[in-house]
């Protein structure tokens, strides 16, 4: 850890991609007035953000520059995207599909880092449900938060049974409200999100009707494009500290589960199910073709469900979504340190 921001900038310059790819130069970056603070979200579905916030590593890294850190809680990808669009935060953690949808609908964000490969969503039915297959959902009420991975998971899952969103009644509820509606019997199924999904399994007897990790579209750390352009060194610092958090969790999984339990106010057993069984952190954190291929499978569903503006070339949007150069430089420098 402890990679100097100067080394990141020099590394990018050596790659020959910094200026053309991100529209900035070392001279321009140096002349740019620094912001008073860097604003990030934290979320229970993003364990690295919880560790980063708990230990104050980013605050420590920025303190010498007189730059503060502000944290904002995100209850779901849709909320993180709202904050990014409103410029209330500089970095927001979403699912991949949610990031693509936001940019397709005009939000000027780019994905700079991958914080996990999660299986954070599945289709959930309440204890004692007679629903035994995806096909049984036809005509049923399904809670989901539109604009998030659970919603796109629902649409992809329905397709496996020859169904579309028109074949079910989608009840648009924020994740926590969807879980409550499921347990109260107000909906027949819920496109769940951890840790609430694990909690309802363990404490309410709910069951996972359908699982498929390949329908989960990775955890994307996104930043406002203007911020990346103006402050590449600060972007590198954020990624640097995210890498520190990811490595710490891999080395201290039990402690990380305890932090998740305390932050989300859930039992350690629930936290361990999310973190140990359904979150993969040992990944290449640089966004690239693997994630693009996953998102290509979602694009037809986005278009068919009228999630993007008519006439939008979503493939072209996808080609512009990733800004991997800074993360590649940070990770590469860490590996050679």
Protein backbone atom coordinates (compact mmCIF):
# COMPACT_ATOMS: atom_id res chain seq x y z
CA UNK A 1 0.00 0.00 0.00
CA UNK A 2 1.27 3.57 0.41
CA UNK A 3 1.63 4.14 -3.35
CA UNK A 4 2.52 7.79 -4.00
CA UNK A 5 0.05 9.68 -6.17
CA UNK A 6 3.01 11.04 -8.16
CA UNK A 7 3.98 7.48 -9.09
CA UNK A 8 0.49 6.81 -10.37
CA UNK A 9 0.57 9.88 -12.63
CA UNK A 10 4.03 9.01 -13.90
CA UNK A 11 2.93 5.46 -14.53
CA UNK A 12 -0.05 6.62 -16.58
CA UNK A 13 2.16 8.97 -18.58
CA UNK A 14 4.50 6.07 -19.30
CA UNK A 15 1.56 4.08 -20.61
CA UNK A 16 0.80 6.89 -23.05
CA UNK A 17 -2.89 6.78 -22.26
CA UNK A 18 -3.43 9.37 -19.58
CA UNK A 19 -3.95 12.48 -21.66
CA UNK A 20 -5.89 11.01 -24.62
CA UNK A 21 -8.01 8.70 -22.51
CA UNK A 22 -8.94 11.02 -19.69
CA UNK A 23 -8.47 14.47 -21.17
CA UNK A 24 -5.96 15.77 -18.65
CA UNK A 25 -2.25 16.44 -18.35
CA UNK A 26 0.08 16.42 -15.38
CA UNK A 27 0.50 20.18 -15.76
CA UNK A 28 -3.24 20.77 -15.92
CA UNK A 29 -3.85 18.51 -12.93
CA UNK A 30 -1.23 20.34 -10.89
CA UNK A 31 -2.82 23.69 -11.70
CA UNK A 32 -6.32 22.56 -10.82
CA UNK A 33 -7.53 23.85 -7.47
CA UNK A 34 -8.15 20.98 -5.09
CA UNK A 35 -11.65 20.39 -3.70
CA UNK A 36 -12.34 20.94 -0.01
CA UNK A 37 -13.39 17.30 0.33
CA UNK A 38 -13.83 14.05 -1.54
CA UNK A 39 -17.37 12.69 -1.25
CA UNK A 40 -18.09 8.96 -1.38
CA UNK A 41 -20.96 6.66 -0.63
CA UNK A 42 -20.85 3.64 1.61
CA UNK A 43 -23.22 0.71 1.35
CA UNK A 44 -23.89 -2.59 3.04
CA UNK A 45 -23.56 -4.30 -0.37
CA UNK A 46 -20.04 -2.85 -0.69
CA UNK A 47 -17.97 -4.30 2.19
CA UNK A 48 -14.80 -2.47 1.13
CA UNK A 49 -16.54 0.87 1.61
CA UNK A 50 -17.40 -0.12 5.18
CA UNK A 51 -13.81 -1.03 6.04
CA UNK A 52 -12.50 2.09 4.35
CA UNK A 53 -14.89 4.28 6.31
CA UNK A 54 -14.30 2.46 9.60
CA UNK A 55 -10.51 2.79 9.56
CA UNK A 56 -10.25 6.29 8.11
CA UNK A 57 -7.53 5.35 5.62
CA UNK A 58 -8.72 7.78 2.98
CA UNK A 59 -8.93 10.60 5.53
CA UNK A 60 -5.35 9.80 6.53
CA UNK A 61 -4.16 9.77 2.92
CA UNK A 62 -5.73 13.15 2.14
CA UNK A 63 -5.04 14.94 5.41
CA UNK A 64 -1.62 16.24 4.35
CA UNK A 65 -3.29 18.03 1.44
CA UNK A 66 -5.91 19.57 3.70
CA UNK A 67 -8.69 17.68 1.92
CA UNK A 68 -11.53 16.22 3.91
CA UNK A 69 -13.73 13.18 3.28
CA UNK A 70 -17.52 13.08 3.34
CA UNK A 71 -19.51 9.83 3.48
CA UNK A 72 -23.09 9.38 2.26
CA UNK A 73 -25.11 6.19 2.78
CA UNK A 74 -26.51 4.45 -0.31
CA UNK A 75 -29.47 2.14 0.20
CA UNK A 76 -29.16 0.78 -3.35
CA UNK A 77 -27.64 1.40 -6.77
CA UNK A 78 -30.53 3.67 -7.66
CA UNK A 79 -29.72 5.92 -4.71
CA UNK A 80 -26.02 6.00 -5.54
CA UNK A 81 -26.90 7.00 -9.10
CA UNK A 82 -29.23 9.72 -7.83
CA UNK A 83 -26.44 11.16 -5.70
CA UNK A 84 -23.97 11.04 -8.60
CA UNK A 85 -26.39 12.73 -10.97
CA UNK A 86 -27.10 15.44 -8.40
CA UNK A 87 -23.34 15.85 -7.81
CA UNK A 88 -23.90 15.15 -4.13
CA UNK A 89 -21.05 12.62 -4.24
CA UNK A 90 -17.94 12.18 -6.37
CA UNK A 91 -17.77 8.36 -6.13
CA UNK A 92 -20.72 5.99 -5.92
CA UNK A 93 -20.95 2.21 -5.71
CA UNK A 94 -23.51 0.49 -7.91
CA UNK A 95 -24.08 -2.70 -9.80
CA UNK A 96 -22.71 -2.78 -13.32
CA UNK A 97 -26.13 -2.76 -14.98
CA UNK A 98 -27.15 0.25 -12.92
CA UNK A 99 -24.04 2.15 -13.99
CA UNK A 100 -24.68 1.40 -17.65
CA UNK A 101 -28.32 2.43 -17.32
CA UNK A 102 -27.38 5.71 -15.64
CA UNK A 103 -24.89 6.67 -18.34
CA UNK A 104 -27.30 5.61 -21.08
CA UNK A 105 -29.84 8.00 -19.61
CA UNK A 106 -27.46 10.93 -19.52
CA UNK A 107 -25.54 10.71 -16.24
CA UNK A 108 -21.89 11.64 -16.98
CA UNK A 109 -20.26 8.86 -14.98
CA UNK A 110 -17.45 6.44 -15.66
CA UNK A 111 -16.51 3.22 -13.90
CA UNK A 112 -13.03 3.46 -12.42
CA UNK A 113 -12.80 0.34 -10.24
CA UNK A 114 -14.45 -2.97 -9.39
CA UNK A 115 -15.05 -3.54 -5.69
CA UNK A 116 -16.44 -7.09 -5.89
CA UNK A 117 -17.92 -9.90 -7.92
CA UNK A 118 -21.02 -10.52 -5.84
CA UNK A 119 -23.92 -12.89 -5.85
CA UNK A 120 -25.88 -10.26 -4.01
CA UNK A 121 -29.27 -10.88 -5.56
CA UNK A 122 -31.62 -13.81 -6.16
CA UNK A 123 -35.36 -14.33 -6.40
CA UNK A 124 -36.79 -14.91 -2.94
CA UNK A 125 -40.11 -16.42 -1.87
CA UNK A 126 -41.55 -16.40 1.65
CA UNK A 127 -41.63 -19.35 4.01
CA UNK A 128 -44.30 -21.85 3.00
CA UNK A 129 -44.67 -20.48 -0.54
CA UNK A 130 -46.20 -22.80 -3.12
CA UNK A 131 -44.16 -21.18 -5.87
CA UNK A 132 -41.68 -23.82 -6.99
CA UNK A 133 -40.30 -22.46 -10.27
CA UNK A 134 -39.78 -19.22 -12.14
CA UNK A 135 -42.65 -20.16 -14.43
CA UNK A 136 -44.95 -20.14 -11.40
CA UNK A 137 -44.40 -16.38 -11.07
CA UNK A 138 -46.70 -15.66 -14.01
CA UNK A 139 -49.46 -13.36 -12.80
CA UNK A 140 -47.80 -12.90 -9.40
CA UNK A 141 -46.63 -9.78 -7.55
CA UNK A 142 -42.85 -9.40 -7.39
CA UNK A 143 -41.13 -6.63 -5.43
CA UNK A 144 -38.01 -5.10 -6.98
CA UNK A 145 -36.13 -1.82 -6.97
CA UNK A 146 -36.09 -0.51 -10.52
CA UNK A 147 -32.72 0.60 -11.83
CA UNK A 148 -30.77 -1.87 -9.69
CA UNK A 149 -29.17 -5.27 -10.20
CA UNK A 150 -32.03 -7.12 -8.48
CA UNK A 151 -34.47 -5.63 -10.99
CA UNK A 152 -32.35 -6.65 -13.98
CA UNK A 153 -31.79 -10.02 -12.34
CA UNK A 154 -35.57 -10.42 -12.22
CA UNK A 155 -35.94 -9.58 -15.92
CA UNK A 156 -33.16 -11.96 -16.95
CA UNK A 157 -34.60 -14.70 -14.77
CA UNK A 158 -38.09 -14.27 -16.21
CA UNK A 159 -36.59 -14.69 -19.67
CA UNK A 160 -35.25 -18.11 -18.72
CA UNK A 161 -38.87 -19.24 -18.34
CA UNK A 162 -40.11 -17.48 -21.46
CA UNK A 163 -41.65 -14.65 -19.44
CA UNK A 164 -41.23 -10.87 -19.45
CA UNK A 165 -42.01 -8.10 -16.97
CA UNK A 166 -45.47 -7.91 -18.54
CA UNK A 167 -46.21 -11.41 -17.20
CA UNK A 168 -45.80 -10.35 -13.56
CA UNK A 169 -46.84 -7.33 -11.52
CA UNK A 170 -43.62 -5.59 -10.57
CA UNK A 171 -44.02 -3.66 -7.32
CA UNK A 172 -41.33 -0.96 -7.31
CA UNK A 173 -40.07 -0.80 -3.71
CA UNK A 174 -36.73 0.11 -2.20
CA UNK A 175 -34.87 -3.04 -1.17
CA UNK A 176 -35.71 -2.94 2.54
CA UNK A 177 -39.39 -2.29 1.81
CA UNK A 178 -39.44 -5.20 -0.63
CA UNK A 179 -38.16 -7.51 2.05
CA UNK A 180 -40.85 -6.27 4.45
CA UNK A 181 -43.57 -6.74 1.83
CA UNK A 182 -42.36 -10.30 1.22
CA UNK A 183 -42.47 -11.25 4.88
CA UNK A 184 -45.90 -9.67 5.34
CA UNK A 185 -47.33 -11.59 2.38
CA UNK A 186 -48.00 -8.43 0.39
CA UNK A 187 -46.01 -9.76 -2.57
CA UNK A 188 -45.40 -13.28 -3.83
CA UNK A 189 -41.68 -12.89 -4.45
CA UNK A 190 -38.88 -10.39 -4.06
CA UNK A 191 -35.78 -9.67 -6.11
CA UNK A 192 -33.59 -9.57 -3.02
CA UNK A 193 -30.38 -7.87 -2.03
CA UNK A 194 -27.85 -8.86 0.60
CA UNK A 195 -27.53 -8.53 3.53
CA UNK A 196 -31.33 -8.26 3.78
CA UNK A 197 -31.72 -11.34 1.61
CA UNK A 198 -29.50 -13.43 3.88
CA UNK A 199 -31.30 -12.01 6.92
CA UNK A 200 -34.76 -13.04 5.70
CA UNK A 201 -33.42 -16.50 4.83
CA UNK A 202 -31.97 -17.09 8.27
CA UNK A 203 -34.53 -15.31 10.41
CA UNK A 204 -37.83 -15.53 8.52
CA UNK A 205 -37.49 -18.86 6.71
CA UNK A 206 -37.58 -17.29 3.24
CA UNK A 207 -36.02 -19.35 0.46
CA UNK A 208 -34.14 -18.56 -2.72
CA UNK A 209 -36.27 -19.58 -5.66
CA UNK A 210 -33.65 -18.89 -8.30
CA UNK A 211 -29.90 -18.16 -8.11
CA UNK A 212 -27.44 -17.36 -10.88
CA UNK A 213 -24.22 -15.50 -10.08
CA UNK A 214 -23.73 -14.76 -13.79
CA UNK A 215 -26.85 -12.57 -13.75
CA UNK A 216 -25.20 -10.39 -11.08
CA UNK A 217 -23.32 -7.61 -12.88
CA UNK A 218 -20.32 -6.95 -10.60
CA UNK A 219 -19.79 -4.13 -8.13
CA UNK A 220 -18.78 -0.93 -9.95
CA UNK A 221 -17.19 2.10 -8.32
CA UNK A 222 -18.23 5.04 -10.48
CA UNK A 223 -17.10 8.64 -10.52
CA UNK A 224 -18.35 11.79 -12.13
CA UNK A 225 -16.45 12.23 -15.37
CA UNK A 226 -15.60 15.84 -14.57
CA UNK A 227 -14.02 14.79 -11.27
CA UNK A 228 -11.82 12.19 -12.97
CA UNK A 229 -10.74 14.74 -15.55
CA UNK A 230 -9.97 17.48 -13.05
CA UNK A 231 -8.56 15.38 -10.23
CA UNK A 232 -6.84 12.24 -11.56
CA UNK A 233 -4.45 12.15 -8.58
CA UNK A 234 -7.32 12.20 -6.10
CA UNK A 235 -9.06 9.48 -8.10
CA UNK A 236 -5.89 7.42 -7.84
CA UNK A 237 -5.80 7.97 -4.09
CA UNK A 238 -9.37 6.73 -3.71
CA UNK A 239 -8.62 3.61 -5.74
CA UNK A 240 -5.41 3.08 -3.81
CA UNK A 241 -7.29 3.06 -0.52
CA UNK A 242 -10.06 0.86 -1.92
CA UNK A 243 -7.34 -1.62 -2.82
CA UNK A 244 -6.07 -1.40 0.75
CA UNK A 245 -9.56 -2.19 2.05
CA UNK A 246 -10.04 -5.10 -0.34
CA UNK A 247 -6.70 -6.62 0.67
CA UNK A 248 -7.50 -6.14 4.35
CA UNK A 249 -10.83 -7.98 4.03
CA UNK A 250 -9.16 -10.87 2.22
CA UNK A 251 -6.64 -11.13 5.05
CA UNK A 252 -9.13 -10.51 7.89
CA UNK A 253 -12.49 -11.99 6.81
CA UNK A 254 -13.81 -12.56 10.34
CA UNK A 255 -13.10 -8.98 11.36
CA UNK A 256 -14.66 -7.73 8.12
CA UNK A 257 -17.81 -9.73 8.81
CA UNK A 258 -17.98 -8.15 12.27
CA UNK A 259 -17.78 -4.66 10.75
CA UNK A 260 -20.56 -5.52 8.31
CA UNK A 261 -22.71 -6.90 11.13
CA UNK A 262 -22.21 -3.78 13.23
CA UNK A 263 -22.80 -1.32 10.39
CA UNK A 264 -25.88 -3.07 8.97
CA UNK A 265 -27.17 -4.02 12.44
CA UNK A 266 -27.41 -7.68 11.51
CA UNK A 267 -26.16 -10.86 13.14
CA UNK A 268 -22.66 -12.12 12.49
CA UNK A 269 -24.20 -15.22 10.90
CA UNK A 270 -26.04 -13.08 8.35
CA UNK A 271 -22.92 -11.02 7.65
CA UNK A 272 -20.84 -14.15 7.13
CA UNK A 273 -23.35 -15.56 4.66
CA UNK A 274 -23.12 -12.37 2.58
CA UNK A 275 -19.37 -11.95 2.83
CA UNK A 276 -18.12 -15.55 2.83
CA UNK A 277 -20.65 -17.30 0.59
CA UNK A 278 -21.82 -14.62 -1.83
CA UNK A 279 -19.05 -12.05 -2.25
CA UNK A 280 -15.92 -12.66 -4.32
CA UNK A 281 -13.19 -10.10 -3.61
CA UNK A 282 -10.23 -11.97 -5.08
CA UNK A 283 -10.70 -10.43 -8.52
CA UNK A 284 -8.94 -8.18 -10.99
CA UNK A 285 -10.36 -4.81 -9.89
CA UNK A 286 -9.70 -3.12 -13.24
CA UNK A 287 -12.92 -2.87 -15.30
CA UNK A 288 -12.65 -4.40 -18.73
CA UNK A 289 -13.93 -6.85 -21.28
CA UNK A 290 -15.17 -9.44 -18.76
CA UNK A 291 -17.62 -6.93 -17.32
CA UNK A 292 -18.50 -5.55 -20.75
CA UNK A 293 -19.51 -9.03 -21.87
CA UNK A 294 -21.77 -9.44 -18.83
CA UNK A 295 -23.43 -6.11 -19.57
CA UNK A 296 -24.00 -6.98 -23.23
CA UNK A 297 -26.35 -9.68 -22.01
CA UNK A 298 -28.42 -7.07 -20.19
CA UNK A 299 -28.66 -4.50 -22.99
CA UNK A 300 -31.49 -6.20 -24.95
CA UNK A 301 -33.51 -6.47 -21.74
CA UNK A 302 -32.95 -2.79 -20.92
CA UNK A 303 -34.15 -1.79 -24.37
CA UNK A 304 -37.14 -4.16 -24.43
CA UNK A 305 -38.25 -2.94 -21.00
CA UNK A 306 -38.02 0.72 -22.10
CA UNK A 307 -35.39 1.47 -19.46
CA UNK A 308 -33.41 3.73 -21.81
CA UNK A 309 -34.46 6.66 -23.96
CA UNK A 310 -35.69 5.69 -27.45
CA UNK A 311 -32.93 5.67 -30.04
CA UNK A 312 -30.12 5.31 -27.50
CA UNK A 313 -27.18 3.29 -28.81
CA UNK A 314 -26.48 1.40 -25.60
CA UNK A 315 -23.56 -0.49 -27.15
CA UNK A 316 -21.88 2.85 -27.83
CA UNK A 317 -22.62 3.94 -24.26
CA UNK A 318 -21.00 0.75 -22.97
CA UNK A 319 -17.90 1.47 -25.04
CA UNK A 320 -17.55 4.79 -23.18
CA UNK A 321 -18.43 3.59 -19.67
CA UNK A 322 -15.08 2.33 -18.41
CA UNK A 323 -12.11 4.48 -17.40
CA UNK A 324 -9.67 1.73 -16.37
CA UNK A 325 -6.35 3.53 -16.79
CA UNK A 326 -5.95 4.86 -13.26
CA UNK A 327 -6.93 1.56 -11.62
CA UNK A 328 -4.59 -0.31 -13.98
CA UNK A 329 -1.73 1.98 -12.97
CA UNK A 330 -2.49 1.64 -9.24
CA UNK A 331 -2.81 -2.14 -9.36
CA UNK A 332 0.25 -2.49 -11.58
CA UNK A 333 2.34 -0.34 -9.25
CA UNK A 334 1.15 -2.37 -6.24
CA UNK A 335 2.16 -5.62 -7.91
CA UNK A 336 5.67 -4.37 -8.67
CA UNK A 337 6.20 -2.66 -5.30
